[in-house]
């Protein structure tokens, strides 16, 4: 499984319905599980992003499908980043010439 950080911003629709955000997060977790993705943590944040998700996914395609599916509902926009652990980064660095 690969680690991902998903940065979330509410759309106008999403902020109008902000009282439903925790329920929408539960629905997102269930949709993620159907794709083999584990949402490890969800944090609602202050600042440039409204929420941050930490997820384990089997591959880039799965996490992209989840982000597209969630975005198509109109409540959020996402930015997804692949995140590497120290061990993973050491392995990558060992491949440098």
Protein backbone atom coordinates (compact mmCIF):
# COMPACT_ATOMS: atom_id res chain seq x y z
CA UNK A 1 0.00 0.00 0.00
CA UNK A 2 1.14 3.51 -0.80
CA UNK A 3 0.61 6.53 1.47
CA UNK A 4 -1.23 9.61 0.26
CA UNK A 5 -2.06 13.02 1.66
CA UNK A 6 -5.25 14.54 0.28
CA UNK A 7 -5.77 18.28 0.70
CA UNK A 8 -9.43 19.30 0.62
CA UNK A 9 -11.20 22.58 -0.06
CA UNK A 10 -14.95 23.04 0.20
CA UNK A 11 -16.72 24.31 -2.88
CA UNK A 12 -19.49 26.89 -2.53
CA UNK A 13 -21.95 23.99 -2.35
CA UNK A 14 -19.82 22.22 0.25
CA UNK A 15 -19.61 25.20 2.57
CA UNK A 16 -23.36 25.87 2.26
CA UNK A 17 -23.87 22.30 3.51
CA UNK A 18 -20.98 22.27 5.98
CA UNK A 19 -23.14 20.85 8.78
CA UNK A 20 -23.13 17.56 6.82
CA UNK A 21 -19.34 17.37 6.47
CA UNK A 22 -18.78 14.66 9.07
CA UNK A 23 -21.53 12.52 7.54
CA UNK A 24 -20.04 13.05 4.09
CA UNK A 25 -16.68 11.92 5.50
CA UNK A 26 -18.26 8.64 6.61
CA UNK A 27 -19.65 8.12 3.12
CA UNK A 28 -16.21 8.88 1.66
CA UNK A 29 -14.60 6.32 3.99
CA UNK A 30 -17.06 3.67 2.82
CA UNK A 31 -16.43 4.52 -0.84
CA UNK A 32 -12.68 4.35 -0.19
CA UNK A 33 -12.99 0.92 1.39
CA UNK A 34 -14.78 -0.38 -1.72
CA UNK A 35 -11.70 0.69 -3.72
CA UNK A 36 -9.30 -0.98 -1.29
CA UNK A 37 -8.32 2.35 0.27
CA UNK A 38 -8.01 2.92 4.01
CA UNK A 39 -8.60 6.50 5.17
CA UNK A 40 -6.33 6.50 8.23
CA UNK A 41 -7.22 9.97 9.49
CA UNK A 42 -9.38 12.92 8.58
CA UNK A 43 -8.66 16.35 10.00
CA UNK A 44 -10.69 19.51 9.49
CA UNK A 45 -8.21 22.36 9.39
CA UNK A 46 -7.82 26.13 9.54
CA UNK A 47 -5.85 27.94 6.90
CA UNK A 48 -5.43 27.28 3.19
CA UNK A 49 -7.22 23.90 3.28
CA UNK A 50 -10.49 22.95 4.91
CA UNK A 51 -9.51 19.33 5.57
CA UNK A 52 -6.62 16.90 5.22
CA UNK A 53 -6.94 13.15 4.73
CA UNK A 54 -4.24 10.56 5.31
CA UNK A 55 -4.85 7.44 3.25
CA UNK A 56 -3.31 4.11 2.27
CA UNK A 57 -4.19 3.02 -1.26
CA UNK A 58 -3.11 0.08 -3.39
CA UNK A 59 -2.08 2.35 -6.29
CA UNK A 60 -2.36 5.78 -7.90
CA UNK A 61 -5.35 4.71 -9.99
CA UNK A 62 -7.43 3.84 -6.92
CA UNK A 63 -6.77 7.08 -5.05
CA UNK A 64 -7.39 9.07 -8.24
CA UNK A 65 -10.72 7.29 -8.76
CA UNK A 66 -11.72 8.17 -5.20
CA UNK A 67 -10.74 11.83 -5.63
CA UNK A 68 -12.63 12.10 -8.92
CA UNK A 69 -15.69 10.39 -7.47
CA UNK A 70 -15.72 12.65 -4.41
CA UNK A 71 -15.15 15.76 -6.51
CA UNK A 72 -17.97 14.87 -8.89
CA UNK A 73 -20.48 15.26 -6.04
CA UNK A 74 -19.72 18.98 -5.98
CA UNK A 75 -18.86 19.51 -2.29
CA UNK A 76 -15.06 19.41 -2.40
CA UNK A 77 -12.01 19.90 -4.57
CA UNK A 78 -8.90 17.88 -3.79
CA UNK A 79 -5.15 17.87 -4.27
CA UNK A 80 -3.55 14.48 -3.76
CA UNK A 81 0.12 13.89 -2.98
CA UNK A 82 2.01 10.60 -2.79
CA UNK A 83 3.80 10.49 0.57
CA UNK A 84 6.94 8.44 1.23
CA UNK A 85 8.07 7.06 4.58
CA UNK A 86 11.72 7.33 5.65
CA UNK A 87 12.31 3.71 4.60
CA UNK A 88 10.70 4.29 1.19
CA UNK A 89 12.76 7.44 0.67
CA UNK A 90 15.96 5.61 1.64
CA UNK A 91 15.16 2.97 -0.98
CA UNK A 92 14.59 5.68 -3.60
CA UNK A 93 17.85 7.41 -2.67
CA UNK A 94 19.75 4.15 -2.94
CA UNK A 95 18.88 4.10 -6.66
CA UNK A 96 20.58 7.43 -7.35
CA UNK A 97 23.82 7.22 -9.33
